[in-house]
């Protein structure tokens, strides 16, 4: 699974439990975006908008843990806490500074998107008005003989 915050994405290694299996089913239908807020100086928490099954156990979290709380809240830890939670997974990161920067730790509310596919750097491609859209570059420039790169042909992307 992927988590995206303000255009930056990190991978989450998921646990194998009923909550993650149901979350994956939801994400197969569409990405989920929610607002997360700082809480307690060690986590970002937000309402998922769905209830997931819990398998709570007393655990001490670590930075990077992705936790289900009360069946419908996702908690992203940048510190530690002991409580009864359902563990969903762990954000894959290089350093605690990188994780805190990614989560915008202590900086207020953030928009969080959970998805199964890593977002593309290309949000939308459109051909210029005067262009015959049979074969165009991602910049919308028509070409008769595509060279190495990414092109759009009759609305389909292909690599040459």
C-alpha atoms as a PDB file:
ATOM      1  CA  UNK A   1       0.000   0.000   0.000  1.00  0.00           C
ATOM      2  CA  UNK A   2       1.098   3.575  -0.539  1.00  0.00           C
ATOM      3  CA  UNK A   3       0.585   6.694   1.581  1.00  0.00           C
ATOM      4  CA  UNK A   4       0.724  10.078  -0.138  1.00  0.00           C
ATOM      5  CA  UNK A   5       0.952  13.399   1.721  1.00  0.00           C
ATOM      6  CA  UNK A   6       1.350  16.688  -0.156  1.00  0.00           C
ATOM      7  CA  UNK A   7       2.618  15.018  -3.321  1.00  0.00           C
ATOM      8  CA  UNK A   8       5.154  12.752  -1.596  1.00  0.00           C
ATOM      9  CA  UNK A   9       4.616   9.006  -1.380  1.00  0.00           C
ATOM     10  CA  UNK A  10       5.951   6.263   0.864  1.00  0.00           C
ATOM     11  CA  UNK A  11       5.356   2.521   0.863  1.00  0.00           C
ATOM     12  CA  UNK A  12       3.618   0.709   3.717  1.00  0.00           C
ATOM     13  CA  UNK A  13       4.475  -2.923   4.453  1.00  0.00           C
ATOM     14  CA  UNK A  14       1.116  -4.343   5.579  1.00  0.00           C
ATOM     15  CA  UNK A  15       0.374  -6.887   8.303  1.00  0.00           C
ATOM     16  CA  UNK A  16      -1.723  -9.911   7.400  1.00  0.00           C
ATOM     17  CA  UNK A  17      -4.954  -9.580   9.364  1.00  0.00           C
ATOM     18  CA  UNK A  18      -8.693  -9.102   8.764  1.00  0.00           C
ATOM     19  CA  UNK A  19      -8.412  -5.298   8.995  1.00  0.00           C
ATOM     20  CA  UNK A  20      -5.737  -5.067   6.283  1.00  0.00           C
ATOM     21  CA  UNK A  21      -7.564  -7.529   4.048  1.00  0.00           C
ATOM     22  CA  UNK A  22     -10.734  -5.423   4.267  1.00  0.00           C
ATOM     23  CA  UNK A  23      -8.739  -2.212   3.742  1.00  0.00           C
ATOM     24  CA  UNK A  24      -7.195  -3.716   0.607  1.00  0.00           C
ATOM     25  CA  UNK A  25     -10.671  -4.590  -0.682  1.00  0.00           C
ATOM     26  CA  UNK A  26     -11.737  -0.965  -0.197  1.00  0.00           C
ATOM     27  CA  UNK A  27      -8.591   0.308  -1.944  1.00  0.00           C
ATOM     28  CA  UNK A  28      -9.224  -1.961  -4.941  1.00  0.00           C
ATOM     29  CA  UNK A  29     -12.377   0.089  -5.535  1.00  0.00           C
ATOM     30  CA  UNK A  30     -10.746   3.508  -5.073  1.00  0.00           C
ATOM     31  CA  UNK A  31      -8.062   5.384  -3.176  1.00  0.00           C
ATOM     32  CA  UNK A  32      -9.080   6.780   0.219  1.00  0.00           C
ATOM     33  CA  UNK A  33      -8.277  10.350   1.211  1.00  0.00           C
ATOM     34  CA  UNK A  34      -8.799  11.687   4.721  1.00  0.00           C
ATOM     35  CA  UNK A  35      -7.543  14.508   6.960  1.00  0.00           C
ATOM     36  CA  UNK A  36      -5.080  13.651   9.743  1.00  0.00           C
ATOM     37  CA  UNK A  37      -4.223  15.874  12.689  1.00  0.00           C
ATOM     38  CA  UNK A  38      -1.387  15.839  15.201  1.00  0.00           C
ATOM     39  CA  UNK A  39      -2.198  14.293  18.541  1.00  0.00           C
ATOM     40  CA  UNK A  40      -0.076  13.986  21.662  1.00  0.00           C
ATOM     41  CA  UNK A  41       3.150  15.037  19.945  1.00  0.00           C
ATOM     42  CA  UNK A  42       3.750  11.503  18.616  1.00  0.00           C
ATOM     43  CA  UNK A  43       1.099  10.718  15.974  1.00  0.00           C
ATOM     44  CA  UNK A  44      -1.153  11.874  13.143  1.00  0.00           C
ATOM     45  CA  UNK A  45      -4.713  10.563  13.447  1.00  0.00           C
ATOM     46  CA  UNK A  46      -7.737  10.798  11.169  1.00  0.00           C
ATOM     47  CA  UNK A  47     -11.107   9.244  10.410  1.00  0.00           C
ATOM     48  CA  UNK A  48     -10.881   6.632   7.663  1.00  0.00           C
ATOM     49  CA  UNK A  49     -14.548   7.016   6.717  1.00  0.00           C
ATOM     50  CA  UNK A  50     -15.040   3.235   6.984  1.00  0.00           C
ATOM     51  CA  UNK A  51     -15.110   0.754   9.855  1.00  0.00           C
ATOM     52  CA  UNK A  52     -12.646  -2.119   9.736  1.00  0.00           C
ATOM     53  CA  UNK A  53     -12.567  -5.251  11.912  1.00  0.00           C
ATOM     54  CA  UNK A  54     -10.300  -4.952  14.931  1.00  0.00           C
ATOM     55  CA  UNK A  55      -7.941  -7.450  16.535  1.00  0.00           C
ATOM     56  CA  UNK A  56      -6.708  -5.159  19.295  1.00  0.00           C
ATOM     57  CA  UNK A  57      -3.807  -6.070  21.507  1.00  0.00           C
ATOM     58  CA  UNK A  58      -1.698  -4.095  23.960  1.00  0.00           C
ATOM     59  CA  UNK A  59       1.341  -2.880  22.011  1.00  0.00           C
ATOM     60  CA  UNK A  60       3.999  -0.208  22.198  1.00  0.00           C
ATOM     61  CA  UNK A  61       4.134   1.562  18.860  1.00  0.00           C
ATOM     62  CA  UNK A  62       7.249   2.811  17.115  1.00  0.00           C
ATOM     63  CA  UNK A  63       7.812   5.583  14.599  1.00  0.00           C
ATOM     64  CA  UNK A  64       6.468   4.454  11.228  1.00  0.00           C
ATOM     65  CA  UNK A  65       3.697   2.240  12.595  1.00  0.00           C
ATOM     66  CA  UNK A  66       0.322   2.458  10.856  1.00  0.00           C
ATOM     67  CA  UNK A  67      -2.387   1.588  13.370  1.00  0.00           C
ATOM     68  CA  UNK A  68      -6.156   1.134  13.394  1.00  0.00           C
ATOM     69  CA  UNK A  69      -7.776   2.759  16.431  1.00  0.00           C
ATOM     70  CA  UNK A  70     -11.443   2.291  17.410  1.00  0.00           C
ATOM     71  CA  UNK A  71     -12.071   0.482  14.120  1.00  0.00           C
ATOM     72  CA  UNK A  72     -12.324   3.644  12.022  1.00  0.00           C
ATOM     73  CA  UNK A  73      -9.302   5.854  12.720  1.00  0.00           C
ATOM     74  CA  UNK A  74      -5.909   5.523  11.077  1.00  0.00           C
ATOM     75  CA  UNK A  75      -2.952   6.547  13.240  1.00  0.00           C
ATOM     76  CA  UNK A  76       0.454   7.278  11.682  1.00  0.00           C
ATOM     77  CA  UNK A  77       3.136   7.287  14.382  1.00  0.00           C
ATOM     78  CA  UNK A  78       6.234   9.478  14.398  1.00  0.00           C
ATOM     79  CA  UNK A  79       6.825   8.683  18.078  1.00  0.00           C
ATOM     80  CA  UNK A  80       5.833   5.943  20.500  1.00  0.00           C
ATOM     81  CA  UNK A  81       2.785   5.083  22.613  1.00  0.00           C
ATOM     82  CA  UNK A  82       1.439   2.048  24.469  1.00  0.00           C
ATOM     83  CA  UNK A  83      -2.228   1.209  23.998  1.00  0.00           C
ATOM     84  CA  UNK A  84      -4.610  -1.445  22.703  1.00  0.00           C
ATOM     85  CA  UNK A  85      -4.472  -1.195  18.895  1.00  0.00           C
ATOM     86  CA  UNK A  86      -4.794  -3.193  15.683  1.00  0.00           C
ATOM     87  CA  UNK A  87      -1.538  -2.971  13.743  1.00  0.00           C
ATOM     88  CA  UNK A  88      -2.049  -2.377  10.008  1.00  0.00           C
ATOM     89  CA  UNK A  89       1.539  -2.013   8.859  1.00  0.00           C
ATOM     90  CA  UNK A  90       4.720  -0.007   8.852  1.00  0.00           C
ATOM     91  CA  UNK A  91       5.850   2.925   6.693  1.00  0.00           C
ATOM     92  CA  UNK A  92       9.146   2.136   4.958  1.00  0.00           C
ATOM     93  CA  UNK A  93      11.537   5.040   5.622  1.00  0.00           C
ATOM     94  CA  UNK A  94      15.273   5.729   5.849  1.00  0.00           C
ATOM     95  CA  UNK A  95      15.510   8.028   8.892  1.00  0.00           C
ATOM     96  CA  UNK A  96      13.263   9.422  11.617  1.00  0.00           C
ATOM     97  CA  UNK A  97      13.909  12.922  10.208  1.00  0.00           C
ATOM     98  CA  UNK A  98      12.645  11.753   6.790  1.00  0.00           C
ATOM     99  CA  UNK A  99       9.530  10.216   8.378  1.00  0.00           C
ATOM    100  CA  UNK A 100       8.726  13.317  10.443  1.00  0.00           C
ATOM    101  CA  UNK A 101       9.181  15.541   7.395  1.00  0.00           C
ATOM    102  CA  UNK A 102       6.930  13.276   5.304  1.00  0.00           C
ATOM    103  CA  UNK A 103       4.191  13.201   7.974  1.00  0.00           C
ATOM    104  CA  UNK A 104       4.531  16.963   8.607  1.00  0.00           C
ATOM    105  CA  UNK A 105       4.937  16.083  12.289  1.00  0.00           C
ATOM    106  CA  UNK A 106       3.757  18.877  14.553  1.00  0.00           C
ATOM    107  CA  UNK A 107       2.660  21.037  11.601  1.00  0.00           C
ATOM    108  CA  UNK A 108      -1.112  20.604  11.878  1.00  0.00           C
ATOM    109  CA  UNK A 109      -3.622  18.955   9.578  1.00  0.00           C
ATOM    110  CA  UNK A 110      -2.567  17.119   6.414  1.00  0.00           C
ATOM    111  CA  UNK A 111      -4.438  15.383   3.633  1.00  0.00           C
ATOM    112  CA  UNK A 112      -3.507  11.687   3.506  1.00  0.00           C
ATOM    113  CA  UNK A 113      -4.235   9.405   0.542  1.00  0.00           C
ATOM    114  CA  UNK A 114      -4.055   5.626   0.842  1.00  0.00           C
ATOM    115  CA  UNK A 115      -3.749   3.756  -2.458  1.00  0.00           C
ATOM    116  CA  UNK A 116      -2.647   0.508  -4.041  1.00  0.00           C
ATOM    117  CA  UNK A 117      -0.808   2.102  -6.950  1.00  0.00           C
ATOM    118  CA  UNK A 118       2.004   4.588  -6.709  1.00  0.00           C
ATOM    119  CA  UNK A 119       0.814   7.925  -8.137  1.00  0.00           C
ATOM    120  CA  UNK A 120       2.107   8.911 -11.554  1.00  0.00           C
ATOM    121  CA  UNK A 121       4.136  12.057 -12.039  1.00  0.00           C
ATOM    122  CA  UNK A 122       1.939  12.830 -15.074  1.00  0.00           C
ATOM    123  CA  UNK A 123      -1.454  14.011 -13.876  1.00  0.00           C
ATOM    124  CA  UNK A 124      -2.970  14.797 -17.279  1.00  0.00           C
ATOM    125  CA  UNK A 125      -1.790  14.923 -20.877  1.00  0.00           C
ATOM    126  CA  UNK A 126      -3.606  16.769 -23.635  1.00  0.00           C
ATOM    127  CA  UNK A 127      -2.633  17.472 -27.203  1.00  0.00           C
ATOM    128  CA  UNK A 128      -2.329  21.023 -28.497  1.00  0.00           C
ATOM    129  CA  UNK A 129      -5.402  22.194 -30.435  1.00  0.00           C
ATOM    130  CA  UNK A 130      -3.721  22.214 -33.841  1.00  0.00           C
ATOM    131  CA  UNK A 131      -2.259  18.762 -33.328  1.00  0.00           C
ATOM    132  CA  UNK A 132      -3.538  15.591 -34.996  1.00  0.00           C
ATOM    133  CA  UNK A 133      -3.782  13.337 -31.946  1.00  0.00           C
ATOM    134  CA  UNK A 134      -2.774  10.122 -33.737  1.00  0.00           C
ATOM    135  CA  UNK A 135       0.734  10.139 -32.209  1.00  0.00           C
ATOM    136  CA  UNK A 136       1.814  12.839 -29.763  1.00  0.00           C
ATOM    137  CA  UNK A 137       4.494  13.200 -27.129  1.00  0.00           C
ATOM    138  CA  UNK A 138       3.511  13.702 -23.492  1.00  0.00           C
ATOM    139  CA  UNK A 139       4.034  17.423 -24.194  1.00  0.00           C
ATOM    140  CA  UNK A 140       1.235  17.311 -26.795  1.00  0.00           C
ATOM    141  CA  UNK A 141       3.546  17.631 -29.817  1.00  0.00           C
ATOM    142  CA  UNK A 142       2.571  15.590 -32.879  1.00  0.00           C
ATOM    143  CA  UNK A 143       5.259  13.377 -34.329  1.00  0.00           C
ATOM    144  CA  UNK A 144       5.415  11.267 -37.477  1.00  0.00           C
ATOM    145  CA  UNK A 145       8.257   9.059 -36.256  1.00  0.00           C
ATOM    146  CA  UNK A 146       8.329   8.480 -32.490  1.00  0.00           C
ATOM    147  CA  UNK A 147      11.779   8.038 -31.018  1.00  0.00           C
ATOM    148  CA  UNK A 148      12.715   6.718 -27.602  1.00  0.00           C
ATOM    149  CA  UNK A 149      10.273   7.909 -24.891  1.00  0.00           C
ATOM    150  CA  UNK A 150       6.596   7.954 -23.938  1.00  0.00           C
ATOM    151  CA  UNK A 151       3.933   8.803 -26.549  1.00  0.00           C
ATOM    152  CA  UNK A 152       0.162   8.879 -26.817  1.00  0.00           C
ATOM    153  CA  UNK A 153      -1.390   7.060 -29.764  1.00  0.00           C
ATOM    154  CA  UNK A 154      -5.148   7.394 -30.305  1.00  0.00           C
ATOM    155  CA  UNK A 155      -5.655   7.978 -26.583  1.00  0.00           C
ATOM    156  CA  UNK A 156      -3.354   5.160 -25.464  1.00  0.00           C
ATOM    157  CA  UNK A 157       0.052   5.566 -23.864  1.00  0.00           C
ATOM    158  CA  UNK A 158       2.920   3.510 -25.255  1.00  0.00           C
ATOM    159  CA  UNK A 159       6.681   3.374 -24.930  1.00  0.00           C
ATOM    160  CA  UNK A 160       9.015   3.408 -27.894  1.00  0.00           C
END
